[in-house]
Amino acid sequence: MPQHQSYSLSDEQIIDLVFRKYGVKITPEQIARAYAPEQKMSWKKSVEVARFINGMTLKQAKTWLEDVVKLRRPIPIKTFKKKQAHHATPWRGWPVAKWPIKVARRYLEILENLENNAKFRGLDVERVVVVHAAAHKGIRIPNILPRAFGRATRFDEQTVNVEVVAVELPKEVVPKRYKLNLARR
């Protein structure tokens, strides 16, 4: 059985990241983590969702992903956008957007786990901000797709290792609004 609890950032690196980004000194007791190994979902979409929720408060990220599941708000696609449909978007800068429902559901479970970990550590959940979210390729599950005339094609199922790190910040530093300014229609 592989060892799954290999986080990509140590406590010292997270403390340095928070100081560079927000200008605040924190302690290791203010850090909460969540790790979900070998999730059966799209790696590309999970990278986009991880990039999008990075920098949001826990409450903001959960409400946005709940709206993605209900098809109210999309996730902007920044990297993996070749041959993708463009939308008449209510935001500026990123005309490619998707509604990755399966990935959003899995991230909601991870954020629920992160919220429970933050409560267990005694952190104020209203001031917890996601400072690091990453999705890494996991193992490939070999599978076979049967074809006509007795042939078969290899069809591997991809898995994703997701890690989310959040930190309790002072009230004056916590982000107040979402990253995208959505115009009301």
Protein backbone atom coordinates (compact mmCIF):
# COMPACT_ATOMS: atom_id res chain seq x y z
CA MET A 1 0.00 0.00 0.00
CA PRO A 2 1.53 3.36 -0.96
CA GLN A 3 2.11 6.09 1.59
CA HIS A 4 -0.41 8.81 0.66
CA GLN A 5 0.22 11.50 3.27
CA SER A 6 3.08 13.12 1.37
CA TYR A 7 2.13 16.79 1.27
CA SER A 8 3.96 18.91 -1.23
CA LEU A 9 4.48 21.85 1.15
CA SER A 10 5.88 21.73 4.67
CA ASP A 11 4.71 23.97 7.51
CA GLU A 12 7.71 26.27 7.06
CA GLN A 13 6.97 26.69 3.35
CA ILE A 14 3.32 27.50 4.07
CA ILE A 15 4.32 30.06 6.72
CA ASP A 16 6.69 31.67 4.20
CA LEU A 17 3.99 31.59 1.49
CA VAL A 18 1.46 33.31 3.77
CA PHE A 19 4.01 35.95 4.78
CA ARG A 20 4.88 36.72 1.14
CA LYS A 21 1.25 36.78 0.00
CA TYR A 22 -0.52 38.44 2.95
CA GLY A 23 2.31 39.95 5.01
CA VAL A 24 1.21 38.12 8.17
CA LYS A 25 3.22 35.88 10.48
CA ILE A 26 1.39 32.68 11.44
CA THR A 27 2.18 29.65 13.57
CA PRO A 28 1.93 25.97 12.58
CA GLU A 29 -1.15 25.69 14.84
CA GLN A 30 -3.04 27.98 12.43
CA ILE A 31 -2.66 25.57 9.48
CA ALA A 32 -5.32 23.04 8.48
CA ARG A 33 -4.87 20.46 5.74
CA ALA A 34 -7.01 18.07 3.76
CA TYR A 35 -5.75 15.35 1.44
CA ALA A 36 -7.80 13.11 -0.85
CA PRO A 37 -5.78 10.38 -2.58
CA GLU A 38 -6.73 8.52 -5.74
CA GLN A 39 -9.93 10.36 -6.65
CA LYS A 40 -11.56 9.09 -9.86
CA MET A 41 -12.04 12.37 -11.71
CA SER A 42 -10.54 14.46 -14.47
CA TRP A 43 -7.05 15.73 -13.69
CA LYS A 44 -7.30 18.74 -16.00
CA LYS A 45 -10.59 19.94 -14.55
CA SER A 46 -9.37 19.38 -11.01
CA VAL A 47 -6.29 21.52 -11.72
CA GLU A 48 -8.55 24.36 -12.91
CA VAL A 49 -10.82 24.08 -9.85
CA ALA A 50 -7.79 24.02 -7.53
CA ARG A 51 -6.38 27.12 -9.21
CA PHE A 52 -9.73 28.86 -8.91
CA ILE A 53 -10.41 28.22 -5.20
CA ASN A 54 -6.88 29.17 -4.21
CA GLY A 55 -7.06 32.45 -2.27
CA MET A 56 -10.77 32.21 -1.38
CA THR A 57 -12.15 31.82 2.09
CA LEU A 58 -13.58 28.44 2.95
CA LYS A 59 -17.13 29.77 2.88
CA GLN A 60 -16.65 31.49 -0.50
CA ALA A 61 -15.17 28.37 -2.08
CA LYS A 62 -17.97 26.15 -0.78
CA THR A 63 -20.75 28.45 -1.99
CA TRP A 64 -19.12 28.84 -5.42
CA LEU A 65 -18.69 25.08 -5.87
CA GLU A 66 -22.27 24.47 -4.73
CA ASP A 67 -23.38 26.91 -7.44
CA VAL A 68 -21.23 25.03 -9.97
CA VAL A 69 -23.01 21.79 -9.06
CA LYS A 70 -26.36 23.57 -9.54
CA LEU A 71 -25.13 24.99 -12.90
CA ARG A 72 -25.47 28.60 -11.75
CA ARG A 73 -21.83 29.70 -11.94
CA PRO A 74 -18.97 28.31 -14.03
CA ILE A 75 -15.30 27.74 -13.39
CA PRO A 76 -13.03 29.77 -15.72
CA ILE A 77 -10.67 27.59 -17.74
CA LYS A 78 -7.24 29.14 -18.11
CA THR A 79 -4.82 26.41 -19.20
CA PHE A 80 -6.59 23.49 -20.85
CA LYS A 81 -8.70 25.44 -23.33
CA LYS A 82 -7.72 24.29 -26.82
CA LYS A 83 -10.74 23.62 -29.02
CA GLN A 84 -13.13 24.58 -26.25
CA ALA A 85 -16.32 26.54 -26.72
CA HIS A 86 -16.21 30.24 -25.85
CA HIS A 87 -19.11 31.80 -23.98
CA ALA A 88 -20.58 35.27 -23.85
CA THR A 89 -19.32 35.72 -20.34
CA PRO A 90 -20.40 38.12 -17.62
CA TRP A 91 -16.77 38.38 -16.45
CA ARG A 92 -13.71 39.81 -18.12
CA GLY A 93 -10.64 38.03 -19.39
CA TRP A 94 -11.56 34.35 -19.65
CA PRO A 95 -14.18 33.47 -22.29
CA VAL A 96 -13.71 29.71 -21.78
CA ALA A 97 -15.66 28.30 -18.86
CA LYS A 98 -16.98 24.92 -17.77
CA TRP A 99 -19.23 23.43 -15.16
CA PRO A 100 -17.23 20.43 -13.85
CA ILE A 101 -19.96 18.93 -11.67
CA LYS A 102 -18.20 15.72 -10.65
CA VAL A 103 -14.99 17.53 -9.74
CA ALA A 104 -16.92 20.21 -7.83
CA ARG A 105 -18.71 17.53 -5.78
CA ARG A 106 -15.40 15.91 -4.85
CA TYR A 107 -13.89 19.29 -3.93
CA LEU A 108 -16.93 20.03 -1.75
CA GLU A 109 -16.22 16.80 0.16
CA ILE A 110 -12.56 17.83 0.53
CA LEU A 111 -13.53 21.32 1.73
CA GLU A 112 -15.94 19.78 4.25
CA ASN A 113 -13.05 17.66 5.52
CA LEU A 114 -10.85 20.76 5.65
CA GLU A 115 -13.51 22.64 7.61
CA ASN A 116 -13.78 19.79 10.12
CA ASN A 117 -9.99 19.69 10.46
CA ALA A 118 -9.95 23.45 11.09
CA LYS A 119 -12.66 23.14 13.75
CA PHE A 120 -10.74 20.29 15.39
CA ARG A 121 -7.63 22.46 15.58
CA GLY A 122 -9.68 25.28 17.18
CA LEU A 123 -9.56 27.70 14.23
CA ASP A 124 -12.23 30.29 13.43
CA VAL A 125 -13.84 28.91 10.26
CA GLU A 126 -15.00 32.38 9.12
CA ARG A 127 -11.36 33.51 8.84
CA VAL A 128 -9.91 30.36 7.25
CA VAL A 129 -8.48 31.05 3.77
CA VAL A 130 -7.30 28.48 1.22
CA VAL A 131 -3.64 29.33 0.59
CA HIS A 132 -2.62 26.22 -1.34
CA ALA A 133 -4.69 23.89 -3.50
CA ALA A 134 -3.07 21.35 -5.79
CA ALA A 135 -4.12 18.39 -7.89
CA HIS A 136 -1.51 15.83 -8.88
CA LYS A 137 -1.84 12.85 -11.19
CA GLY A 138 -2.39 9.62 -9.32
CA ILE A 139 -2.08 6.02 -10.40
CA ARG A 140 -3.65 4.79 -13.60
CA ILE A 141 -6.13 1.95 -13.21
CA PRO A 142 -5.75 -0.42 -16.18
CA ASN A 143 -8.96 -1.32 -17.92
CA ILE A 144 -9.96 -2.97 -21.20
CA LEU A 145 -12.55 -1.76 -23.68
CA PRO A 146 -13.93 -4.71 -25.69
CA ARG A 147 -14.12 -4.16 -29.44
CA ALA A 148 -15.61 -5.98 -32.39
CA PHE A 149 -14.17 -9.23 -33.82
CA GLY A 150 -12.60 -10.29 -30.51
CA ARG A 151 -10.26 -7.34 -30.22
CA ALA A 152 -9.75 -5.12 -27.19
CA THR A 153 -8.37 -1.65 -26.59
CA ARG A 154 -6.58 -0.58 -23.45
CA PHE A 155 -8.56 2.03 -21.56
CA ASP A 156 -6.85 3.37 -18.44
CA GLU A 157 -8.77 5.22 -15.78
CA GLN A 158 -7.00 8.23 -14.34
CA THR A 159 -6.96 9.19 -10.68
CA VAL A 160 -6.05 12.44 -8.99
CA ASN A 161 -4.42 13.23 -5.64
CA VAL A 162 -5.86 16.46 -4.25
CA GLU A 163 -4.44 18.48 -1.39
CA VAL A 164 -5.83 21.68 0.09
CA VAL A 165 -4.13 23.76 2.78
CA ALA A 166 -5.91 26.56 4.62
CA VAL A 167 -4.75 29.09 7.18
CA GLU A 168 -6.55 31.20 9.76
CA LEU A 169 -5.79 34.87 8.99
CA PRO A 170 -6.54 38.09 10.89
CA LYS A 171 -9.84 39.82 10.02
CA GLU A 172 -8.21 42.75 8.19
CA VAL A 173 -6.41 40.44 5.73
CA VAL A 174 -9.23 38.00 4.90
CA PRO A 175 -10.48 38.45 1.29
CA LYS A 176 -13.90 40.10 1.18
CA ARG A 177 -15.20 39.07 -2.26
CA TYR A 178 -14.84 36.52 -5.02
CA LYS A 179 -12.11 36.69 -7.64
CA LEU A 180 -14.53 37.11 -10.55
CA ASN A 181 -16.84 40.09 -10.72
CA LEU A 182 -20.02 38.62 -12.08
CA ALA A 183 -22.50 41.04 -13.62
CA ARG A 184 -26.12 40.43 -12.69
CA ARG A 185 -28.32 39.64 -15.64
